[in-house]
C-alpha atoms as a PDB file:
ATOM      1  CA  MET A   1     -31.151  71.259  13.536  1.00  0.00           C
ATOM      2  CA  ASP A   2     -29.897  69.583  10.083  1.00  0.00           C
ATOM      3  CA  LYS A   3     -26.672  68.230  11.137  1.00  0.00           C
ATOM      4  CA  ALA A   4     -24.674  69.276   7.947  1.00  0.00           C
ATOM      5  CA  LEU A   5     -25.598  73.098   8.820  1.00  0.00           C
ATOM      6  CA  ALA A   6     -24.413  72.188  12.543  1.00  0.00           C
ATOM      7  CA  GLU A   7     -20.982  71.123  11.400  1.00  0.00           C
ATOM      8  CA  SER A   8     -20.568  73.949   8.954  1.00  0.00           C
ATOM      9  CA  GLN A   9     -21.114  76.513  11.926  1.00  0.00           C
ATOM     10  CA  THR A  10     -18.271  77.522  14.456  1.00  0.00           C
ATOM     11  CA  ALA A  11     -18.681  77.925  17.862  1.00  0.00           C
ATOM     12  CA  ALA A  12     -18.761  81.292  18.011  1.00  0.00           C
ATOM     13  CA  ASP A  13     -21.797  81.585  14.975  1.00  0.00           C
ATOM     14  CA  ARG A  14     -23.583  78.975  17.351  1.00  0.00           C
ATOM     15  CA  VAL A  15     -23.479  81.416  20.263  1.00  0.00           C
ATOM     16  CA  PHE A  16     -24.620  84.418  18.493  1.00  0.00           C
ATOM     17  CA  ARG A  17     -27.389  82.466  17.176  1.00  0.00           C
ATOM     18  CA  ALA A  18     -28.426  81.576  20.428  1.00  0.00           C
ATOM     19  CA  LEU A  19     -28.290  84.831  22.058  1.00  0.00           C
ATOM     20  CA  ALA A  20     -30.450  86.505  18.894  1.00  0.00           C
ATOM     21  CA  ASP A  21     -33.766  85.050  20.865  1.00  0.00           C
ATOM     22  CA  PRO A  22     -35.194  87.044  23.878  1.00  0.00           C
ATOM     23  CA  GLY A  23     -36.317  84.016  24.686  1.00  0.00           C
ATOM     24  CA  ARG A  24     -33.186  81.951  25.317  1.00  0.00           C
ATOM     25  CA  ARG A  25     -31.349  85.461  26.492  1.00  0.00           C
ATOM     26  CA  ARG A  26     -33.792  85.669  29.258  1.00  0.00           C
ATOM     27  CA  LEU A  27     -33.279  81.386  30.441  1.00  0.00           C
ATOM     28  CA  LEU A  28     -30.041  82.874  30.155  1.00  0.00           C
ATOM     29  CA  ASP A  29     -30.384  85.737  32.478  1.00  0.00           C
ATOM     30  CA  ARG A  30     -32.788  83.777  35.009  1.00  0.00           C
ATOM     31  CA  LEU A  31     -29.149  81.325  34.905  1.00  0.00           C
ATOM     32  CA  ARG A  32     -26.825  84.133  35.502  1.00  0.00           C
ATOM     33  CA  VAL A  33     -29.393  84.975  39.109  1.00  0.00           C
ATOM     34  CA  ARG A  34     -29.371  80.858  39.818  1.00  0.00           C
ATOM     35  CA  GLY A  35     -27.991  77.844  38.810  1.00  0.00           C
ATOM     36  CA  GLY A  36     -29.189  74.500  38.668  1.00  0.00           C
ATOM     37  CA  LEU A  37     -32.546  75.348  37.843  1.00  0.00           C
ATOM     38  CA  SER A  38     -34.608  72.379  36.667  1.00  0.00           C
ATOM     39  CA  LEU A  39     -36.901  72.419  33.248  1.00  0.00           C
ATOM     40  CA  ASN A  40     -40.100  72.924  35.730  1.00  0.00           C
ATOM     41  CA  ALA A  41     -37.996  75.834  37.627  1.00  0.00           C
ATOM     42  CA  LEU A  42     -36.985  77.139  34.730  1.00  0.00           C
ATOM     43  CA  CYS A  43     -40.249  77.177  32.650  1.00  0.00           C
ATOM     44  CA  GLU A  44     -41.945  79.070  36.192  1.00  0.00           C
ATOM     45  CA  GLY A  45     -43.028  82.803  34.948  1.00  0.00           C
ATOM     46  CA  MET A  46     -42.071  82.060  31.262  1.00  0.00           C
ATOM     47  CA  PRO A  47     -44.105  82.935  28.582  1.00  0.00           C
ATOM     48  CA  MET A  48     -44.094  80.202  26.651  1.00  0.00           C
ATOM     49  CA  SER A  49     -44.999  76.401  26.748  1.00  0.00           C
ATOM     50  CA  ARG A  50     -42.958  73.991  27.859  1.00  0.00           C
ATOM     51  CA  GLN A  51     -41.690  72.943  24.825  1.00  0.00           C
ATOM     52  CA  ALA A  52     -40.978  75.869  23.728  1.00  0.00           C
ATOM     53  CA  VAL A  53     -37.893  75.820  26.388  1.00  0.00           C
ATOM     54  CA  THR A  54     -36.799  72.435  26.220  1.00  0.00           C
ATOM     55  CA  LYS A  55     -35.820  73.547  22.703  1.00  0.00           C
ATOM     56  CA  HIS A  56     -34.336  76.676  23.435  1.00  0.00           C
ATOM     57  CA  LEU A  57     -32.286  74.888  26.063  1.00  0.00           C
ATOM     58  CA  LEU A  58     -31.295  72.537  23.492  1.00  0.00           C
ATOM     59  CA  GLN A  59     -29.505  74.784  21.602  1.00  0.00           C
ATOM     60  CA  LEU A  60     -27.960  76.796  24.310  1.00  0.00           C
ATOM     61  CA  GLU A  61     -26.673  73.552  25.439  1.00  0.00           C
ATOM     62  CA  ASP A  62     -25.540  73.087  21.473  1.00  0.00           C
ATOM     63  CA  ALA A  63     -23.878  76.533  21.624  1.00  0.00           C
ATOM     64  CA  ASN A  64     -22.385  75.452  24.950  1.00  0.00           C
ATOM     65  CA  LEU A  65     -24.120  78.456  27.011  1.00  0.00           C
ATOM     66  CA  VAL A  66     -25.312  76.252  29.795  1.00  0.00           C
ATOM     67  CA  THR A  67     -23.971  72.899  30.694  1.00  0.00           C
ATOM     68  CA  THR A  68     -26.501  70.084  33.405  1.00  0.00           C
ATOM     69  CA  ARG A  69     -25.954  67.709  35.121  1.00  0.00           C
ATOM     70  CA  TRP A  70     -28.126  64.939  36.452  1.00  0.00           C
ATOM     71  CA  VAL A  71     -29.101  65.399  40.105  1.00  0.00           C
ATOM     72  CA  GLY A  72     -30.752  62.294  40.662  1.00  0.00           C
ATOM     73  CA  ARG A  73     -34.069  62.174  38.064  1.00  0.00           C
ATOM     74  CA  GLU A  74     -33.833  66.043  37.230  1.00  0.00           C
ATOM     75  CA  LYS A  75     -31.423  67.132  35.288  1.00  0.00           C
ATOM     76  CA  GLU A  76     -30.190  70.465  36.576  1.00  0.00           C
ATOM     77  CA  HIS A  77     -29.618  73.771  34.159  1.00  0.00           C
ATOM     78  CA  TYR A  78     -26.258  76.374  34.598  1.00  0.00           C
ATOM     79  CA  LEU A  79     -24.795  78.684  32.357  1.00  0.00           C
ATOM     80  CA  ASN A  80     -21.048  77.897  31.184  1.00  0.00           C
ATOM     81  CA  PRO A  81     -19.752  82.082  30.829  1.00  0.00           C
ATOM     82  CA  VAL A  82     -17.059  80.840  28.750  1.00  0.00           C
ATOM     83  CA  PRO A  83     -18.532  81.357  24.899  1.00  0.00           C
ATOM     84  CA  ILE A  84     -19.940  84.671  25.617  1.00  0.00           C
ATOM     85  CA  HIS A  85     -16.361  85.792  27.556  1.00  0.00           C
ATOM     86  CA  GLN A  86     -15.241  84.702  24.710  1.00  0.00           C
ATOM     87  CA  ILE A  87     -17.643  86.200  22.497  1.00  0.00           C
ATOM     88  CA  ALA A  88     -16.959  89.802  24.735  1.00  0.00           C
ATOM     89  CA  LYS A  89     -12.703  88.966  24.118  1.00  0.00           C
ATOM     90  CA  ARG A  90     -12.579  89.033  20.380  1.00  0.00           C
ATOM     91  CA  TRP A  91     -15.591  91.166  19.767  1.00  0.00           C
ATOM     92  CA  ILE A  92     -15.601  93.840  22.428  1.00  0.00           C
ATOM     93  CA  ARG A  93     -12.689  94.681  24.165  1.00  0.00           C
ATOM     94  CA  PRO A  94     -10.680  95.786  21.197  1.00  0.00           C
ATOM     95  CA  PHE A  95     -12.817  99.003  20.508  1.00  0.00           C
ATOM     96  CA  GLU A  96     -12.837  99.424  24.086  1.00  0.00           C
ATOM     97  CA  HIS A  97      -9.100  99.229  23.696  1.00  0.00           C
ATOM     98  CA  HIS A  98      -9.324 102.344  21.579  1.00  0.00           C
ATOM     99  CA  ARG A  99     -11.584 104.733  23.209  1.00  0.00           C
ATOM    100  CA  LEU A 100      -9.560 104.125  26.568  1.00  0.00           C
ATOM    101  CA  GLU A 101      -6.124 105.619  24.754  1.00  0.00           C
ATOM    102  CA  ALA A 102      -8.864 108.429  23.589  1.00  0.00           C
ATOM    103  CA  LEU A 103      -9.919 109.059  27.159  1.00  0.00           C
ATOM    104  CA  HIS A 104      -5.961 108.666  28.154  1.00  0.00           C
ATOM    105  CA  ASP A 105      -5.149 111.752  25.263  1.00  0.00           C
ATOM    106  CA  LEU A 106      -7.685 113.508  26.389  1.00  0.00           C
ATOM    107  CA  LYS A 107      -7.129 113.506  29.787  1.00  0.00           C
ATOM    108  CA  LYS A 108      -3.208 114.209  29.476  1.00  0.00           C
ATOM    109  CA  GLN A 109      -4.081 116.786  26.801  1.00  0.00           C
ATOM    110  CA  LEU A 110      -6.581 118.761  29.800  1.00  0.00           C
ATOM    111  CA  GLU A 111      -4.224 118.275  32.334  1.00  0.00           C
ATOM    112  CA  ASP A 112      -1.590 119.451  30.403  1.00  0.00           C
END
């Protein structure tokens, strides 16, 4: 990624860009089910090359959606749910509040 472009993007921009690709979402789903996977383990069953998986992992790491830990000579990958939680808190929960208020009001009217 171009350094100037990376600096101009906000953390949320990087998360949305990373989540836009179905292959990256599939990698995140696999890490959600079982963290600590090596690159070899993540490549198993993926309909893309090892090089493509590596590129996707780099974008996920850049968005802080994946963290890594070296164990011996293997790099383990883990899902970091914090950026997704922050997106949900800002972009989804405010809409849920109004819907829940409307359901509460409807329930109250029906009970009266």
